[in-house]
Protein backbone atom coordinates (compact mmCIF):
# COMPACT_ATOMS: atom_id res chain seq x y z
CA GLN A 1 20.64 -12.36 -5.43
CA THR A 2 21.73 -8.59 -5.94
CA ILE A 3 18.93 -6.25 -6.68
CA VAL A 4 21.14 -3.45 -9.13
CA ASP A 5 19.05 0.49 -9.78
CA SER A 6 20.27 1.24 -12.81
CA ALA A 7 19.23 4.59 -11.92
CA THR A 8 22.09 5.41 -10.04
CA GLY A 9 23.54 2.10 -9.48
CA VAL A 10 22.37 1.45 -5.92
CA ARG A 11 23.48 -2.61 -4.94
CA ILE A 12 20.71 -3.91 -2.40
CA GLY A 13 21.02 -7.60 -1.38
CA GLY A 14 18.11 -9.49 -3.00
CA LYS A 15 15.52 -11.69 -1.20
CA PRO A 16 13.36 -14.49 -3.38
CA ILE A 17 11.01 -13.46 -5.61
CA GLU A 18 7.15 -14.52 -5.17
CA THR A 19 4.11 -13.81 -6.99
CA HIS A 20 1.32 -12.51 -4.54
CA ALA A 21 -2.49 -11.20 -5.86
CA ASN A 22 -1.17 -11.60 -9.61
CA TYR A 23 2.14 -9.42 -9.15
CA LYS A 24 5.90 -10.63 -8.28
CA CYS A 25 6.97 -9.07 -5.09
CA TRP A 26 9.54 -9.78 -2.50
CA ASN A 27 8.23 -10.70 0.58
CA LEU A 28 9.19 -8.62 3.36
CA ASP A 29 6.73 -10.10 6.14
CA ASN A 30 9.74 -10.57 8.22
CA THR A 31 12.78 -9.62 6.71
CA PHE A 32 14.21 -6.00 4.92
CA LEU A 33 16.19 -5.01 1.57
CA GLN A 34 19.34 -3.35 2.46
CA ARG A 35 21.90 -1.21 0.64
CA ASN A 36 25.49 -3.20 0.66
CA GLY A 37 27.02 -1.16 -2.42
CA GLY A 38 27.32 1.02 -5.58
CA ALA A 39 26.10 4.13 -5.28
CA THR A 40 25.65 5.88 -2.45
CA LEU A 41 22.19 8.07 -2.76
CA LYS A 42 21.40 11.16 -0.41
CA GLU A 43 18.12 12.83 0.58
CA GLY A 44 17.75 16.09 -0.54
CA GLN A 45 15.73 19.15 0.72
CA HIS A 46 12.97 18.16 -1.71
CA TYR A 47 12.05 14.25 -2.56
CA THR A 48 9.29 11.89 -3.16
CA HIS A 49 9.15 8.20 -2.10
CA ALA A 50 6.58 5.79 -3.63
CA ILE A 51 6.14 2.36 -3.04
CA TRP A 52 3.71 -0.71 -4.35
CA ILE A 53 3.05 -2.74 -1.15
CA TYR A 54 0.47 -5.25 -0.05
CA TRP A 55 0.65 -4.88 3.68
CA ARG A 56 1.25 -7.33 6.26
CA ARG A 57 -1.74 -7.61 8.16
CA SER A 58 -0.45 -8.21 11.55
CA ASP A 59 -0.11 -5.24 13.90
CA ARG A 60 2.76 -7.06 16.12
CA GLY A 61 5.79 -4.38 15.06
CA TRP A 62 6.38 -1.77 13.24
CA ARG A 63 5.69 -1.95 9.30
CA THR A 64 8.60 0.23 7.89
CA LEU A 65 8.97 1.22 4.40
CA PHE A 66 11.54 3.43 3.22
CA ARG A 67 14.48 3.59 6.41
CA PRO A 68 17.38 5.60 5.24
CA SER A 69 20.73 6.05 7.15
CA GLN A 70 18.30 7.66 10.07
CA ASP A 71 14.35 8.20 10.42
CA HIS A 72 11.79 6.20 8.52
CA SER A 73 10.33 8.36 5.85
CA MET A 74 7.16 5.71 5.69
CA ILE A 75 6.27 3.83 9.09
CA VAL A 76 3.17 2.25 10.53
CA LYS A 77 2.78 2.33 14.25
CA SER A 78 3.08 -0.82 16.29
CA GLY A 79 0.39 -2.49 17.65
CA ARG A 80 -1.84 0.14 15.30
CA LYS A 81 -2.33 0.56 11.70
CA ASP A 82 -1.51 4.65 12.06
CA LEU A 83 0.51 5.88 8.97
CA GLY A 84 3.31 8.23 9.64
CA MET A 85 7.14 8.82 9.38
CA TYR A 86 9.25 8.11 12.14
CA SER A 87 12.00 10.93 13.13
CA ASN A 88 15.11 9.18 14.95
CA ARG A 89 17.09 12.73 14.88
CA GLN A 90 13.97 14.72 16.22
CA GLY A 91 10.74 13.62 18.23
CA GLY A 92 10.19 10.12 17.30
CA PHE A 93 6.89 8.85 15.68
CA GLN A 94 5.21 11.57 13.76
CA ASP A 95 1.50 10.45 13.02
CA SER A 96 0.15 11.43 9.09
CA ARG A 97 -3.58 10.91 10.86
CA TYR A 98 -4.33 7.91 8.57
CA ASP A 99 -4.84 4.91 9.51
CA ILE A 100 -4.90 1.79 7.14
CA ASN A 101 -7.73 0.18 8.08
CA ASN A 102 -9.24 -0.64 4.97
CA ASP A 103 -5.70 -0.68 2.84
CA LEU A 104 -4.96 -4.68 4.02
CA ASP A 105 -6.83 -6.63 1.26
CA SER A 106 -5.16 -4.90 -1.83
CA TRP A 107 -2.16 -3.39 -3.51
CA GLN A 108 -1.61 0.19 -2.21
CA LEU A 109 0.38 2.43 -3.84
CA ILE A 110 1.90 4.68 -0.86
CA ILE A 111 3.39 7.77 -1.38
CA VAL A 112 5.25 10.25 0.84
CA THR A 113 6.69 13.67 -0.40
CA GLY A 114 9.23 15.52 1.76
CA GLU A 115 10.00 19.45 1.94
CA GLY A 116 12.94 20.21 4.53
CA SER A 117 13.59 23.42 5.60
CA SER A 118 17.37 22.76 4.35
CA SER A 119 19.02 19.91 2.63
CA SER A 120 20.15 18.75 5.57
CA SER A 121 17.13 19.08 7.92
CA SER A 122 15.21 16.94 10.06
CA THR A 123 12.20 19.43 10.26
CA GLY A 124 9.79 20.20 7.30
CA THR A 125 6.46 18.78 5.74
CA SER A 126 6.12 15.26 4.71
CA THR A 127 2.65 15.16 3.19
CA PHE A 128 1.18 11.44 2.54
CA TYR A 129 -0.78 9.97 -0.88
CA THR A 130 -2.73 6.54 -0.97
CA GLY A 131 -4.12 4.88 -3.77
CA ALA A 132 -5.24 1.05 -4.15
CA LEU A 133 -4.72 -0.84 -7.24
CA GLY A 134 -7.47 0.40 -9.69
CA SER A 135 -8.13 3.42 -8.40
CA ASP A 136 -8.16 6.52 -10.64
CA SER A 137 -6.36 8.54 -8.30
CA VAL A 138 -3.93 8.74 -5.49
CA THR A 139 -5.74 10.80 -2.43
CA LYS A 140 -4.36 13.10 0.34
CA ARG A 141 -4.53 11.33 3.86
CA GLY A 142 -2.18 14.11 5.96
CA THR A 143 1.17 15.68 6.82
CA ALA A 144 3.57 15.69 9.35
CA ASP A 145 6.29 18.50 10.61
CA ARG A 146 9.43 15.88 10.00
CA VAL A 147 11.44 15.34 6.85
CA VAL A 148 14.52 12.82 6.52
CA SER A 149 16.24 14.98 4.21
CA GLY A 150 20.03 14.61 4.51
CA THR A 151 20.10 10.93 5.13
CA THR A 152 21.41 8.47 2.89
CA TRP A 153 19.56 5.18 1.37
CA TYR A 154 20.03 2.32 3.45
CA ARG A 155 17.08 -0.02 3.85
CA LEU A 156 13.42 -1.11 2.89
CA GLY A 157 11.94 -2.44 5.76
CA TRP A 158 13.99 -2.76 9.24
CA PRO A 159 14.67 -6.10 11.54
CA GLY A 160 11.36 -7.02 12.92
CA GLN A 161 9.69 -4.50 11.01
CA GLY A 162 8.89 -5.87 8.07
CA PRO A 163 6.36 -4.01 5.58
CA GLY A 164 4.74 -6.69 4.02
CA ARG A 165 4.90 -7.56 0.30
CA VAL A 166 6.55 -4.75 -2.06
CA ALA A 167 6.54 -4.81 -5.93
CA ALA A 168 8.34 -2.09 -7.00
CA ALA A 169 9.90 0.78 -5.00
CA TYR A 170 10.55 4.76 -6.30
CA GLN A 171 12.37 7.69 -5.68
CA TRP A 172 12.54 10.68 -7.07
CA ASN A 173 14.87 14.22 -5.62
CA ARG A 174 12.04 16.43 -6.10
CA ILE A 175 8.10 16.77 -5.11
CA LEU A 176 5.92 14.83 -7.57
CA SER A 177 2.69 16.52 -8.77
CA LEU A 178 -0.31 14.86 -8.49
CA SER A 179 -1.21 14.25 -12.30
CA GLU A 180 2.08 12.51 -12.10
CA MET A 181 1.50 10.51 -9.09
CA ASN A 182 -1.53 9.41 -10.72
CA GLN A 183 0.66 8.20 -13.99
CA ILE A 184 2.01 5.53 -11.61
CA LEU A 185 -0.95 4.29 -9.80
CA LYS A 186 -2.30 4.16 -13.52
CA GLY A 187 1.04 2.13 -14.23
CA THR A 188 0.15 -0.81 -12.02
CA PRO A 189 3.24 -2.37 -9.75
CA THR A 190 4.16 -3.70 -13.30
CA GLN A 191 4.82 -0.29 -14.77
CA SER A 192 7.36 -0.26 -17.58
CA LEU A 193 9.99 3.25 -17.24
CA VAL A 194 9.63 3.58 -21.04
CA ALA A 195 6.04 2.36 -21.52
CA THR A 196 2.88 4.38 -23.25
CA VAL A 197 1.83 5.71 -19.77
CA ALA A 198 3.93 8.49 -18.76
CA PHE A 199 6.11 7.58 -15.62
CA PRO A 200 7.58 10.25 -14.26
CA MET A 201 11.24 10.10 -15.22
CA LYS A 202 12.47 13.61 -14.64
CA GLY A 203 14.20 13.83 -11.36
CA LEU A 204 14.25 9.77 -10.81
CA VAL A 205 17.04 8.90 -8.88
CA PHE A 206 15.97 5.06 -7.62
CA ALA A 207 14.14 2.50 -9.08
CA ILE A 208 13.11 -1.47 -8.28
CA ARG A 209 10.70 -3.60 -9.48
CA ALA A 210 10.02 -7.24 -8.35
CA ASP A 211 9.06 -8.41 -12.06
CA LYS A 212 12.25 -7.18 -13.69
CA SER A 213 13.94 -9.95 -11.64
CA LYS A 214 16.43 -11.69 -14.23
CA SER A 215 19.17 -14.35 -13.66
CA GLY A 216 19.31 -13.38 -9.97
CA GLN A 217 19.70 -9.99 -10.94
CA THR A 218 17.09 -7.01 -10.80
CA ILE A 219 18.13 -3.92 -13.24
CA VAL A 220 15.57 -1.12 -13.68
CA ASP A 221 16.43 1.09 -17.12
CA SER A 222 16.83 4.66 -15.89
CA ALA A 223 15.82 6.08 -19.74
């Protein structure tokens, strides 16, 4: 099974699709999705990562979301529920000062924006937002002073660091506005990229959705 992101042509080794809490998803409790071909997607100075996640309940091991070639743009600390990022290049875990204690029993939209000091810098500002399915707005949760600028797309999850069930994941080469983030939230995990809800298409460079799986392949329209 192969997942194909048609926004830029990234190819990812797929996993079985299941339904959890009414939405199709990849169960990444104990595994990960990894790029295995297609385009090489590089993180720039400015970016936004967004993912619909139903968190793994166990605190055993890290919960990694986006994990580029270096660093982790979104991660929950091992043995705890602290949301942040992990800079392999400089300083290790960077805490946003938010924990996911109240986020374990519903689908959650997790967003991080990055503003690097340069296009290849590990320093800058990561800003974290979350919103539960059915909420009207995402909430800013905190910041960290490291980013993943200059790295390339590699994995969702990591061996031994599965985050939970993932229904959709998106990436932009710019920082989304709060209103754009709320459009993603209102769209739910099955948001069509060409639906009546104004999904933010400008700068979209990566998009996969489990509900678009078809004949062993996931294709997400980029227009």
